[in-house]
Protein backbone atom coordinates (compact mmCIF):
# COMPACT_ATOMS: atom_id res chain seq x y z
CA MET A 1 119.28 150.73 72.88
CA ALA A 2 118.20 147.22 71.91
CA ALA A 3 116.39 146.68 68.65
CA GLU A 4 112.65 146.39 69.17
CA LEU A 5 111.20 142.90 68.89
CA THR A 6 107.57 141.93 69.12
CA ALA A 7 106.36 139.11 71.32
CA HIS A 8 105.74 137.03 68.20
CA GLU A 9 109.29 137.61 66.95
CA LEU A 10 110.77 136.78 70.34
CA THR A 11 108.74 133.58 70.54
CA ALA A 12 109.83 132.49 67.07
CA LYS A 13 113.44 133.23 67.97
CA HIS A 14 113.62 131.63 71.41
CA ARG A 15 110.85 129.04 71.78
CA PRO A 16 113.06 126.24 70.38
CA THR A 17 115.70 127.01 73.02
CA LEU A 18 113.07 127.06 75.76
CA ASP A 19 111.70 123.72 74.57
CA GLN A 20 115.17 122.18 74.59
CA ALA A 21 115.76 123.48 78.12
CA LEU A 22 112.46 121.98 79.26
CA GLU A 23 113.41 118.64 77.76
CA THR A 24 116.86 118.72 79.33
CA ILE A 25 115.65 119.40 82.88
CA ARG A 26 113.38 116.37 82.35
CA THR A 27 116.15 114.04 81.16
CA ARG A 28 119.00 115.61 83.22
CA ALA A 29 121.30 115.07 80.21
CA TYR A 30 124.15 117.34 79.10
CA TRP A 31 123.22 120.39 77.02
CA SER A 32 124.19 124.03 76.80
CA PRO A 33 123.37 126.68 74.19
CA HIS A 34 126.21 128.87 75.48
CA PRO A 35 129.70 128.00 74.14
CA GLU A 36 132.46 127.44 76.73
CA HIS A 37 135.37 128.17 74.42
CA PRO A 38 136.42 131.81 73.92
CA LYS A 39 137.09 131.23 70.21
CA ALA A 40 133.40 130.42 69.63
CA TYR A 41 132.56 134.12 69.88
CA GLY A 42 132.95 136.85 67.29
CA GLU A 43 130.16 136.01 64.82
CA HIS A 44 126.45 136.79 64.61
CA GLY A 45 126.80 139.97 66.65
CA SER A 46 128.85 138.55 69.53
CA LEU A 47 132.08 140.16 70.73
CA ASP A 48 135.34 138.33 70.10
CA ALA A 49 138.23 138.41 72.58
CA ALA A 50 139.71 141.71 71.40
CA ALA A 51 136.36 143.48 71.17
CA GLY A 52 135.31 142.19 74.58
CA LYS A 53 138.51 143.39 76.22
CA ALA A 54 138.16 146.77 74.50
CA ALA A 55 134.56 147.06 75.69
CA PHE A 56 135.65 146.34 79.27
CA ASP A 57 138.53 148.80 79.08
CA ALA A 58 136.13 151.46 77.78
CA LEU A 59 134.03 151.06 80.93
CA LEU A 60 136.88 151.88 83.31
CA GLY A 61 136.58 155.31 84.87
CA THR A 62 133.09 155.94 83.44
CA ARG A 63 129.64 156.60 84.84
CA LEU A 64 127.19 153.77 84.11
CA ASP A 65 123.93 155.65 83.76
CA LEU A 66 121.02 153.21 83.70
CA GLY A 67 118.31 155.83 83.37
CA GLN A 68 116.67 154.73 86.61
CA PRO A 69 114.18 156.97 88.42
CA GLY A 70 115.12 158.26 91.86
CA THR A 71 118.88 158.56 91.25
CA ASP A 72 120.20 160.89 93.96
CA ASP A 73 123.95 160.24 93.85
CA TRP A 74 126.71 158.31 92.11
CA VAL A 75 128.71 155.66 93.95
CA GLY A 76 131.57 153.29 93.19
CA GLY A 77 135.01 152.38 94.44
CA GLU A 78 135.63 148.82 93.21
CA VAL A 79 139.28 147.74 93.24
CA SER A 80 140.19 144.58 91.35
CA PRO A 81 141.78 141.76 93.36
CA TYR A 82 144.41 142.04 90.64
CA GLY A 83 145.24 145.53 91.85
CA ILE A 84 143.61 147.93 89.40
CA GLU A 85 140.96 150.50 90.29
CA LEU A 86 137.88 150.12 88.11
CA GLY A 87 136.71 153.69 88.65
CA VAL A 88 133.15 152.95 87.48
CA THR A 89 130.34 154.81 89.22
CA TYR A 90 126.73 153.68 89.48
CA PRO A 91 123.39 155.30 90.28
CA HIS A 92 122.51 155.47 93.96
CA ALA A 93 118.75 155.20 94.35
CA ASP A 94 116.23 156.97 96.51
CA ILE A 95 114.37 153.79 97.39
CA ASP A 96 111.13 155.64 98.10
CA VAL A 97 111.12 156.77 94.46
CA LEU A 98 112.55 153.67 92.80
CA LEU A 99 110.35 150.99 94.37
CA PRO A 100 107.01 152.54 93.32
CA ALA A 101 108.41 153.00 89.81
CA MET A 102 109.33 149.32 89.69
CA ARG A 103 105.85 148.25 90.73
CA ALA A 104 104.20 150.36 88.04
CA GLY A 105 105.22 147.99 85.24
CA GLN A 106 104.20 144.73 86.89
CA ARG A 107 100.61 144.64 85.63
CA ALA A 108 101.57 144.61 81.95
CA TRP A 109 104.37 142.15 82.69
CA ARG A 110 101.93 139.88 84.55
CA ASP A 111 99.35 140.05 81.78
CA ALA A 112 101.95 139.14 79.14
CA GLY A 113 101.82 135.54 80.37
CA PRO A 114 104.47 132.89 81.06
CA GLU A 115 105.60 132.31 77.49
CA VAL A 116 106.21 135.96 76.63
CA ARG A 117 108.02 136.51 79.91
CA ALA A 118 110.18 133.45 79.24
CA VAL A 119 111.23 134.50 75.74
CA VAL A 120 111.98 138.06 76.89
CA CYS A 121 114.24 136.55 79.55
CA LEU A 122 115.91 134.41 76.91
CA GLU A 123 116.54 137.50 74.80
CA ILE A 124 118.23 139.12 77.81
CA LEU A 125 120.41 136.05 78.21
CA LYS A 126 121.24 136.05 74.49
CA ARG A 127 122.37 139.69 74.62
CA ILE A 128 124.50 138.89 77.68
CA SER A 129 125.94 135.84 75.92
CA ASP A 130 126.96 137.99 72.96
CA ARG A 131 129.04 140.07 75.39
CA THR A 132 130.57 137.12 77.26
CA HIS A 133 134.15 138.31 76.70
CA GLU A 134 133.31 141.71 78.18
CA PHE A 135 131.47 140.15 81.12
CA ALA A 136 134.40 137.77 81.72
CA HIS A 137 136.75 140.68 82.38
CA ALA A 138 134.16 142.30 84.64
CA VAL A 139 133.84 139.07 86.65
CA MET A 140 137.60 138.54 86.74
CA HIS A 141 138.31 142.01 88.08
CA THR A 142 135.65 141.94 90.76
CA SER A 143 135.89 138.31 91.96
CA GLY A 144 139.57 137.53 91.48
CA GLN A 145 138.82 134.50 89.34
CA ALA A 146 141.44 133.72 86.72
CA PHE A 147 140.32 134.75 83.24
CA MET A 148 139.32 131.33 81.90
CA MET A 149 137.28 130.53 85.00
CA ALA A 150 135.70 134.00 84.91
CA PHE A 151 134.89 133.43 81.25
CA GLN A 152 133.27 130.04 81.80
CA ALA A 153 131.73 130.30 85.26
CA GLY A 154 130.84 133.98 84.94
CA GLY A 155 129.70 133.60 81.33
CA PRO A 156 128.17 130.43 79.80
CA HIS A 157 127.76 128.54 83.08
CA ALA A 158 125.98 131.51 84.71
CA GLN A 159 123.85 131.96 81.60
CA ASP A 160 122.96 128.26 81.71
CA ARG A 161 121.80 128.63 85.32
CA GLY A 162 119.69 131.64 84.34
CA LEU A 163 118.10 129.71 81.47
CA GLU A 164 117.53 126.74 83.76
CA ALA A 165 115.62 128.99 86.18
CA VAL A 166 113.49 130.32 83.32
CA ALA A 167 112.68 126.77 82.21
CA TYR A 168 111.61 125.71 85.71
CA ALA A 169 109.60 128.91 86.11
CA PHE A 170 107.78 128.34 82.83
CA ALA A 171 107.07 124.69 83.61
CA GLU A 172 105.59 125.48 87.01
CA GLN A 173 103.42 128.32 85.69
CA VAL A 174 101.90 126.31 82.84
CA ARG A 175 101.29 123.28 85.03
CA THR A 176 97.84 124.79 85.66
CA PRO A 177 95.82 125.42 82.47
CA GLY A 178 94.81 128.98 81.65
CA THR A 179 91.11 128.12 81.42
CA ALA A 180 88.80 125.25 82.27
CA GLU A 181 85.14 124.36 81.66
CA TRP A 182 83.69 122.78 84.80
CA SER A 183 80.48 120.76 84.85
CA LYS A 184 79.05 118.87 87.80
CA PRO A 185 76.14 116.48 87.08
CA GLN A 186 72.97 117.04 89.14
CA GLY A 187 70.95 113.94 88.25
CA LYS A 188 67.67 114.97 86.61
CA ARG A 189 68.47 118.64 86.99
CA ASP A 190 70.70 120.62 84.70
CA PRO A 191 74.39 120.30 85.58
CA LEU A 192 76.21 123.05 87.44
CA THR A 193 78.55 124.68 84.94
CA LEU A 194 81.31 127.19 85.45
CA THR A 195 83.98 128.75 83.30
CA LYS A 196 87.23 129.16 85.19
CA ARG A 197 90.29 131.26 84.38
CA PHE A 198 93.63 130.75 86.17
CA THR A 199 96.33 133.42 86.19
CA ALA A 200 99.86 133.20 87.57
CA VAL A 201 100.36 136.40 89.56
CA PRO A 202 103.65 137.71 90.98
CA ARG A 203 104.37 138.09 94.66
CA GLY A 204 105.89 141.56 94.30
CA ILE A 205 109.41 142.89 93.93
CA GLY A 206 112.27 140.41 94.15
CA LEU A 207 115.55 141.46 95.78
CA VAL A 208 118.76 139.76 94.62
CA ILE A 209 121.62 140.28 97.08
CA GLY A 210 124.78 139.51 95.15
CA CYS A 211 128.01 137.91 96.36
CA ASN A 212 131.63 138.88 95.80
CA THR A 213 132.95 135.59 94.46
CA PHE A 214 130.35 134.57 91.85
CA PRO A 215 128.26 137.65 91.06
CA THR A 216 126.61 136.27 87.90
CA TRP A 217 126.63 132.52 88.61
CA ASN A 218 124.94 132.99 91.97
CA GLY A 219 122.91 136.03 90.92
CA TYR A 220 121.26 134.85 87.71
CA PRO A 221 119.09 132.01 89.07
CA GLY A 222 117.14 134.25 91.44
CA LEU A 223 117.03 137.18 89.05
CA PHE A 224 115.59 135.18 86.16
CA ALA A 225 113.35 132.99 88.32
CA SER A 226 111.66 136.07 89.76
CA LEU A 227 111.49 137.95 86.45
CA ALA A 228 110.08 134.97 84.54
CA THR A 229 107.32 134.55 87.14
CA GLY A 230 106.14 138.13 86.70
CA ASN A 231 108.02 139.97 89.44
CA ALA A 232 110.08 143.10 89.16
CA VAL A 233 113.65 142.55 90.35
CA LEU A 234 115.93 144.89 92.29
CA VAL A 235 119.59 143.82 92.13
CA LYS A 236 121.75 144.76 95.12
CA PRO A 237 125.33 143.76 94.23
CA HIS A 238 128.14 143.15 96.67
CA PRO A 239 130.03 146.47 96.97
CA ARG A 240 133.21 144.84 95.65
CA ALA A 241 131.46 143.17 92.70
CA VAL A 242 129.01 145.67 91.23
CA LEU A 243 130.07 145.83 87.58
CA PRO A 244 128.95 142.39 86.30
CA LEU A 245 125.46 142.77 87.77
CA ALA A 246 125.20 146.43 86.75
CA LEU A 247 125.91 145.40 83.15
CA THR A 248 123.28 142.67 83.52
CA VAL A 249 120.71 145.23 84.69
CA GLN A 250 121.64 147.48 81.79
CA VAL A 251 121.03 144.71 79.26
CA ALA A 252 117.76 143.66 80.92
CA ARG A 253 116.38 147.21 80.94
CA ASP A 254 117.33 147.63 77.29
CA VAL A 255 115.60 144.40 76.23
CA LEU A 256 112.47 145.09 78.29
CA ALA A 257 112.10 148.52 76.72
CA GLY A 258 112.65 147.12 73.24
CA ALA A 259 109.96 144.49 73.84
CA GLY A 260 107.45 147.13 74.92
CA PHE A 261 107.69 146.68 78.70
CA ASP A 262 108.67 149.04 81.48
CA PRO A 263 112.47 148.94 81.87
CA ASN A 264 112.03 149.66 85.58
CA LEU A 265 111.02 146.04 86.02
CA VAL A 266 114.76 145.51 86.60
CA ALA A 267 116.85 148.02 88.54
CA LEU A 268 120.13 148.35 90.42
CA ALA A 269 120.65 149.26 94.08
CA ALA A 270 124.30 150.26 94.44
CA GLU A 271 125.34 151.60 97.83
CA ARG A 272 127.69 153.99 99.56
CA PRO A 273 130.53 152.50 101.66
CA GLY A 274 129.12 151.05 104.87
CA GLU A 275 125.54 151.96 104.01
CA GLY A 276 124.16 148.46 104.55
CA VAL A 277 121.30 148.95 102.12
CA ALA A 278 120.57 145.19 101.94
CA ARG A 279 119.35 145.21 105.54
CA THR A 280 117.15 148.23 104.85
CA LEU A 281 115.66 146.80 101.67
CA ALA A 282 115.11 143.31 103.07
CA THR A 283 112.33 144.40 105.43
CA ARG A 284 110.58 146.84 103.09
CA PRO A 285 106.96 145.75 102.51
CA GLU A 286 107.39 146.05 98.74
CA ILE A 287 110.11 143.37 98.78
CA ARG A 288 108.35 140.00 98.60
CA ILE A 289 111.18 137.71 97.42
CA ILE A 290 114.82 137.67 98.52
CA ASP A 291 117.70 135.71 96.97
CA TYR A 292 120.90 135.77 98.99
CA THR A 293 124.34 134.17 98.81
CA GLY A 294 126.83 134.90 101.58
CA SER A 295 127.57 134.52 105.26
CA THR A 296 125.50 132.39 107.59
CA SER A 297 125.01 135.27 110.02
CA PHE A 298 123.28 137.56 107.53
CA GLY A 299 121.43 134.67 105.91
CA ASP A 300 120.03 133.70 109.30
CA TRP A 301 119.11 137.35 109.91
CA LEU A 302 117.17 137.46 106.63
CA GLU A 303 115.31 134.24 107.40
CA THR A 304 114.40 135.56 110.85
CA ASN A 305 113.51 139.17 110.05
CA ALA A 306 112.27 139.40 106.45
CA HIS A 307 108.84 138.04 107.38
CA GLN A 308 107.07 139.63 104.43
CA ALA A 309 109.30 137.90 101.85
CA GLN A 310 109.93 134.43 100.49
CA VAL A 311 113.64 134.07 101.33
CA TYR A 312 116.06 131.84 99.42
CA THR A 313 119.52 131.58 101.00
CA GLU A 314 122.83 129.94 100.24
CA LYS A 315 125.03 130.24 103.31
CA ALA A 316 128.17 128.62 104.69
CA GLY A 317 128.79 124.91 104.99
CA VAL A 318 131.59 122.50 105.83
CA ASN A 319 132.20 120.28 102.82
CA THR A 320 133.62 116.85 103.58
CA VAL A 321 135.38 114.08 101.65
CA ILE A 322 135.79 110.60 103.13
CA VAL A 323 138.92 108.81 101.91
CA HIS A 324 138.58 105.09 102.64
CA SER A 325 140.03 103.21 99.63
CA THR A 326 140.58 103.60 95.92
CA ASP A 327 141.49 101.60 92.84
CA ASP A 328 143.03 104.70 91.20
CA TYR A 329 145.26 106.34 93.80
CA LYS A 330 147.01 108.64 91.34
CA GLY A 331 143.70 109.73 89.83
CA MET A 332 142.21 110.38 93.28
CA LEU A 333 145.15 112.55 94.34
CA SER A 334 145.06 114.47 91.07
CA ASN A 335 141.34 115.06 91.33
CA LEU A 336 141.54 116.23 94.96
CA ALA A 337 144.52 118.48 94.24
CA PHE A 338 142.61 120.26 91.49
CA SER A 339 139.50 120.58 93.67
CA LEU A 340 141.48 122.15 96.52
CA SER A 341 143.32 124.55 94.19
CA LEU A 342 140.63 125.83 91.83
CA TYR A 343 139.99 129.56 92.43
CA SER A 344 142.05 129.34 95.62
CA GLY A 345 139.31 127.31 97.29
CA GLN A 346 137.01 130.36 97.23
CA MET A 347 133.98 128.31 96.22
CA CYS A 348 131.07 127.24 98.39
CA THR A 349 131.58 123.72 97.01
CA THR A 350 135.32 123.32 97.70
CA PRO A 351 136.19 120.40 100.01
CA GLN A 352 137.44 121.44 103.42
CA ASN A 353 137.62 118.31 105.60
CA LEU A 354 139.32 115.15 104.33
CA LEU A 355 138.41 112.34 106.74
CA ILE A 356 141.08 109.62 106.60
CA PRO A 357 141.36 106.57 108.89
CA ARG A 358 144.45 106.96 111.07
CA ASP A 359 145.50 103.39 110.22
CA GLY A 360 145.52 104.32 106.55
CA ILE A 361 143.73 103.29 103.37
CA SER A 362 143.97 100.57 100.72
CA THR A 363 144.88 101.55 97.16
CA ASP A 364 145.86 100.00 93.84
CA GLN A 365 149.45 100.93 94.78
CA GLY A 366 149.29 99.14 98.13
CA PRO A 367 148.33 100.39 101.59
CA ARG A 368 148.97 104.02 102.50
CA THR A 369 149.13 105.38 106.04
CA PHE A 370 147.38 108.58 107.08
CA ASP A 371 150.68 110.45 106.95
CA GLU A 372 151.52 109.00 103.54
CA VAL A 373 148.15 110.01 102.09
CA THR A 374 148.51 113.59 103.31
CA ALA A 375 152.13 113.78 102.09
CA ASP A 376 151.17 112.35 98.70
CA LEU A 377 148.29 114.83 98.38
CA ALA A 378 150.64 117.68 99.28
CA ARG A 379 153.01 116.54 96.51
CA ALA A 380 150.09 116.36 94.06
CA VAL A 381 149.12 119.95 94.85
CA ASP A 382 152.75 121.06 94.57
CA GLY A 383 153.06 119.30 91.23
CA LEU A 384 149.86 120.86 89.93
CA LEU A 385 150.92 124.36 90.97
CA GLY A 386 154.68 124.07 90.47
CA ASP A 387 154.66 126.23 87.35
CA ASP A 388 153.73 129.82 88.25
CA ALA A 389 151.89 130.49 84.99
CA ARG A 390 149.72 127.42 85.43
CA ALA A 391 149.24 128.22 89.10
CA ASN A 392 147.96 131.69 88.31
CA ALA A 393 145.56 130.26 85.74
CA LEU A 394 144.09 127.91 88.36
CA LEU A 395 144.28 129.94 91.56
CA GLY A 396 143.21 133.39 90.43
CA ALA A 397 143.61 135.99 93.17
CA ILE A 398 142.59 136.11 96.84
CA VAL A 399 139.29 137.99 96.73
CA ASN A 400 139.56 140.01 99.95
CA PRO A 401 141.75 140.51 103.05
CA ASP A 402 139.54 138.27 105.22
CA VAL A 403 140.40 135.21 103.11
CA LYS A 404 144.11 136.03 103.31
CA ALA A 405 143.88 136.38 107.10
CA ARG A 406 142.14 133.00 107.46
CA LEU A 407 144.78 131.36 105.26
CA GLU A 408 147.62 132.80 107.34
CA ALA A 409 145.98 131.81 110.63
CA ALA A 410 145.29 128.22 109.51
CA ALA A 411 148.95 127.23 109.76
CA GLY A 412 148.72 127.69 113.53
CA LEU A 413 145.86 125.24 113.95
CA GLY A 414 147.85 122.00 113.62
CA GLU A 415 150.71 120.24 111.88
CA VAL A 416 151.16 121.66 108.39
CA ALA A 417 151.27 118.97 105.70
CA LEU A 418 151.45 121.52 102.89
CA ALA A 419 152.53 125.10 103.49
CA SER A 420 151.02 127.89 101.44
CA ARG A 421 153.39 129.88 99.27
CA GLU A 422 153.16 133.21 97.53
CA ILE A 423 153.01 133.31 93.73
CA THR A 424 153.81 136.32 91.58
CA ASN A 425 151.46 137.29 88.79
CA ARG A 426 153.63 138.98 86.18
CA GLU A 427 150.69 140.63 84.40
CA PHE A 428 149.19 141.92 87.66
CA PRO A 429 152.04 142.31 90.19
CA ASP A 430 149.68 143.68 92.89
CA ALA A 431 147.52 140.55 92.89
CA VAL A 432 147.56 138.47 96.08
CA VAL A 433 148.06 134.86 94.93
CA ARG A 434 148.59 132.01 97.39
CA THR A 435 148.69 128.23 97.08
CA PRO A 436 146.53 126.09 99.40
CA VAL A 437 147.50 125.01 102.88
CA ILE A 438 146.74 121.51 104.22
CA VAL A 439 146.72 121.10 108.00
CA LYS A 440 146.63 117.76 109.81
CA LEU A 441 144.14 117.50 112.69
CA ASP A 442 143.03 114.72 115.00
CA GLY A 443 139.32 113.97 114.96
CA ALA A 444 139.54 112.63 118.52
CA LYS A 445 140.88 115.87 120.02
CA PRO A 446 138.28 118.42 121.20
CA ASP A 447 140.71 121.28 120.55
CA ASP A 448 140.96 120.30 116.87
CA GLU A 449 137.20 119.97 116.49
CA ALA A 450 136.69 123.73 116.73
CA ALA A 451 138.77 124.13 113.58
CA TYR A 452 137.36 121.42 111.34
CA MET A 453 133.74 121.98 112.43
CA SER A 454 133.80 125.61 111.24
CA GLU A 455 133.89 126.84 107.67
CA CYS A 456 137.31 128.25 106.78
CA PHE A 457 136.47 129.82 103.42
CA GLY A 458 139.47 129.98 101.12
CA PRO A 459 142.48 127.80 100.24
CA VAL A 460 142.46 125.91 103.54
CA SER A 461 141.77 122.21 104.03
CA PHE A 462 142.11 119.86 106.97
CA ALA A 463 143.28 116.25 106.82
CA VAL A 464 141.40 114.82 109.79
CA ALA A 465 142.54 111.50 111.28
CA VAL A 466 139.62 109.29 112.40
CA ASP A 467 139.66 105.94 114.18
CA SER A 468 137.69 104.08 111.49
CA VAL A 469 135.55 104.55 108.43
CA THR A 470 132.53 104.10 110.70
CA ASP A 471 133.69 107.10 112.71
CA ALA A 472 134.23 109.01 109.47
CA VAL A 473 130.65 108.34 108.37
CA GLU A 474 129.27 109.45 111.74
CA LEU A 475 131.41 112.60 111.69
CA LEU A 476 130.13 113.29 108.20
CA ARG A 477 126.55 112.96 109.43
CA ARG A 478 127.13 115.31 112.36
CA THR A 479 128.92 117.86 110.19
CA VAL A 480 126.16 118.01 107.60
CA ARG A 481 123.41 118.08 110.21
CA GLU A 482 124.98 120.77 112.38
CA LYS A 483 126.94 122.89 109.90
CA GLY A 484 125.53 121.98 106.49
CA ALA A 485 127.34 121.04 103.30
CA MET A 486 127.00 122.05 99.68
CA THR A 487 128.99 119.00 98.56
CA VAL A 488 130.13 115.66 99.93
CA GLY A 489 132.70 113.35 98.36
CA ALA A 490 133.82 109.82 99.10
CA TYR A 491 136.48 107.42 97.83
CA THR A 492 135.86 103.76 98.56
CA THR A 493 135.98 100.41 96.83
CA ASP A 494 133.82 98.83 99.52
CA ALA A 495 130.11 98.51 98.71
CA GLY A 496 129.13 98.64 102.38
CA THR A 497 131.01 101.88 102.97
CA GLU A 498 129.60 103.38 99.81
CA GLY A 499 126.09 102.48 100.91
CA ALA A 500 126.64 103.94 104.39
CA VAL A 501 127.88 107.26 102.99
CA GLU A 502 125.02 107.39 100.50
CA GLU A 503 122.47 106.73 103.24
CA VAL A 504 123.86 109.60 105.34
CA CYS A 505 123.63 111.96 102.37
CA LEU A 506 120.07 110.88 101.65
CA GLU A 507 119.03 111.32 105.26
CA GLU A 508 120.80 114.66 105.70
CA ALA A 509 120.03 115.96 102.17
CA ALA A 510 123.58 116.49 100.92
CA GLN A 511 124.74 116.19 97.30
CA LEU A 512 127.24 113.34 96.95
CA SER A 513 130.03 112.58 94.46
CA LEU A 514 131.64 109.14 94.56
CA ASN A 515 135.11 108.12 93.38
CA LEU A 516 135.83 111.05 91.09
CA THR A 517 139.23 110.50 89.48
CA GLY A 518 138.84 112.09 86.04
CA GLY A 519 137.88 115.50 84.68
CA VAL A 520 134.79 116.06 86.82
CA TYR A 521 135.34 117.56 90.26
CA VAL A 522 133.30 117.64 93.45
CA ASN A 523 133.17 121.44 93.41
CA GLN A 524 131.67 121.69 89.92
CA THR A 525 127.99 121.34 88.97
CA ALA A 526 126.36 121.40 85.55
CA ALA A 527 123.16 123.34 84.94
CA PHE A 528 120.11 121.39 83.76
CA SER A 529 121.53 118.21 85.31
CA ASP A 530 123.21 118.73 88.70
CA PHE A 531 121.50 120.32 91.68
CA HIS A 532 123.55 122.97 93.45
CA GLY A 533 122.71 122.57 97.12
CA SER A 534 119.63 120.70 98.26
CA GLY A 535 117.73 123.07 100.51
CA GLY A 536 117.65 120.29 103.08
CA ASN A 537 120.61 121.09 105.34
CA PRO A 538 121.88 124.28 107.02
CA ALA A 539 124.15 125.31 104.11
CA ALA A 540 121.20 126.42 101.96
CA ASN A 541 117.42 126.50 102.16
CA ALA A 542 117.02 126.17 98.38
CA ALA A 543 118.49 124.24 95.47
CA LEU A 544 119.61 125.61 92.11
CA CYS A 545 117.40 124.78 90.39
CA ASP A 546 114.24 122.80 91.09
CA GLY A 547 110.50 123.38 91.14
CA ALA A 548 110.58 124.57 94.73
CA PHE A 549 113.03 127.32 93.76
CA VAL A 550 110.48 128.95 91.46
CA ALA A 551 107.03 127.87 92.66
CA GLY A 552 106.97 130.21 95.66
CA ARG A 553 107.61 133.26 93.49
CA PHE A 554 104.07 133.37 92.11
CA ARG A 555 100.53 132.39 93.05
CA VAL A 556 97.65 131.19 90.90
CA VAL A 557 94.49 133.31 91.15
CA GLU A 558 91.20 131.88 89.92
CA VAL A 559 88.22 133.76 88.46
CA ARG A 560 84.97 131.75 88.17
CA ARG A 561 81.91 132.61 86.13
CA GLU A 562 78.70 130.75 85.50
CA ALA A 563 78.77 129.35 82.01
């Protein structure tokens, strides 16, 4: 049980962090209160590496009792992509009991006001941060991320996104003053005077539908945006990635209770195999907000059928990089190789289509033909992943059989420029680890278009030959407009080409990275500064994070009285 803290104590403890977050989303500069390096933990109550691993190991084979009302069964069954059975079981909820219990605490939570809600959320994030090592193992063994990526993306980067959502939520709620004195002159008569009070009120219960690959990174923005705006939040994890979000719910319930609020403001909805509880919950009248990351088909279903809810979706897209010219050919190849390899391409931001003029490109090392560029990129990936230990640290494990099947089928779609190979993980011999495949396609052939115009999630990329850079720009436009994109990249030394690509991205609302050759990659975004998605193309209807992501989660209600 968390130590009890009053609202005043929480404000004194966390208001400086909130203020810094508010300033950073204004300036878009770099800042993070959550350390990225594992050695930074182990003091001031946080778990170091050994304690975090021990805490994770102690969870295996246990029942995670959250004390939720309406528990009618215990469910589990997660198997790590690294081959170990987690054996953790979770409460299965009778929704007809749990949802009313969640609503019961909303009045006090609403009346607490934006600042108190914000600092309670920051206390939740602080308690999670203290257990980052434990959470990293939970993320690793549910998502298949390699440990360092699970530590950073599942830990501090996810916590940053949660804090960012709290900051935006607070800013939007306090944009309207709490009270106002209104006086309208009436000439010789006395003025009309009113006293007005404005209260941010929640929409209802928020539903967070978690994903398998990034349970915390994708889950925290919606969870904390809804909670900070006064809503109760029901977390429905992906069946293969329950543990990280179940631990999050456990911490949140503990902090809420310690701060004097109803712990049922945050609850877990774990499910039996094949139950499909997300579909059932999504149309319940009590559910007024939905946050979803996953397939386009279910995202479209939510947007079409969950009429009673404000729905925020991140779905599939086809991410594209135009390769026209570069003044750092080696740096470009290195940067692209890393982007294609990181977490086996199992990121919604990983490049898929590389559009390259068939006549080749100009570089600082002389002209390179289409075939030379693809061969050089294949060698760069091979060089990056040539050492098995390094490869395992970058690739992680294939998260599920569907990704493996897509990878194996991709080789039959065209000429293979880089074949995928199997890598052994000595620590986890049952892990499925594969290097990326690069397939050459012709942008002028209708048969090839079916492949490169569909998302092939996983370590699969297509080198697409186009007649000219003009054709590449138009194909980029059509891809983003029809299929959506979370990221776009371009390499060019020509100002006209750069301007044309930028104009397409502005018109089609796609986030663009230009000429990345160093340690920043197209598939990485930084909280407080970079927007993840735009909400303006089919890949996602919301951005993480902006004012629009939080403003629809509450309404302002006015009470007027004559002065």
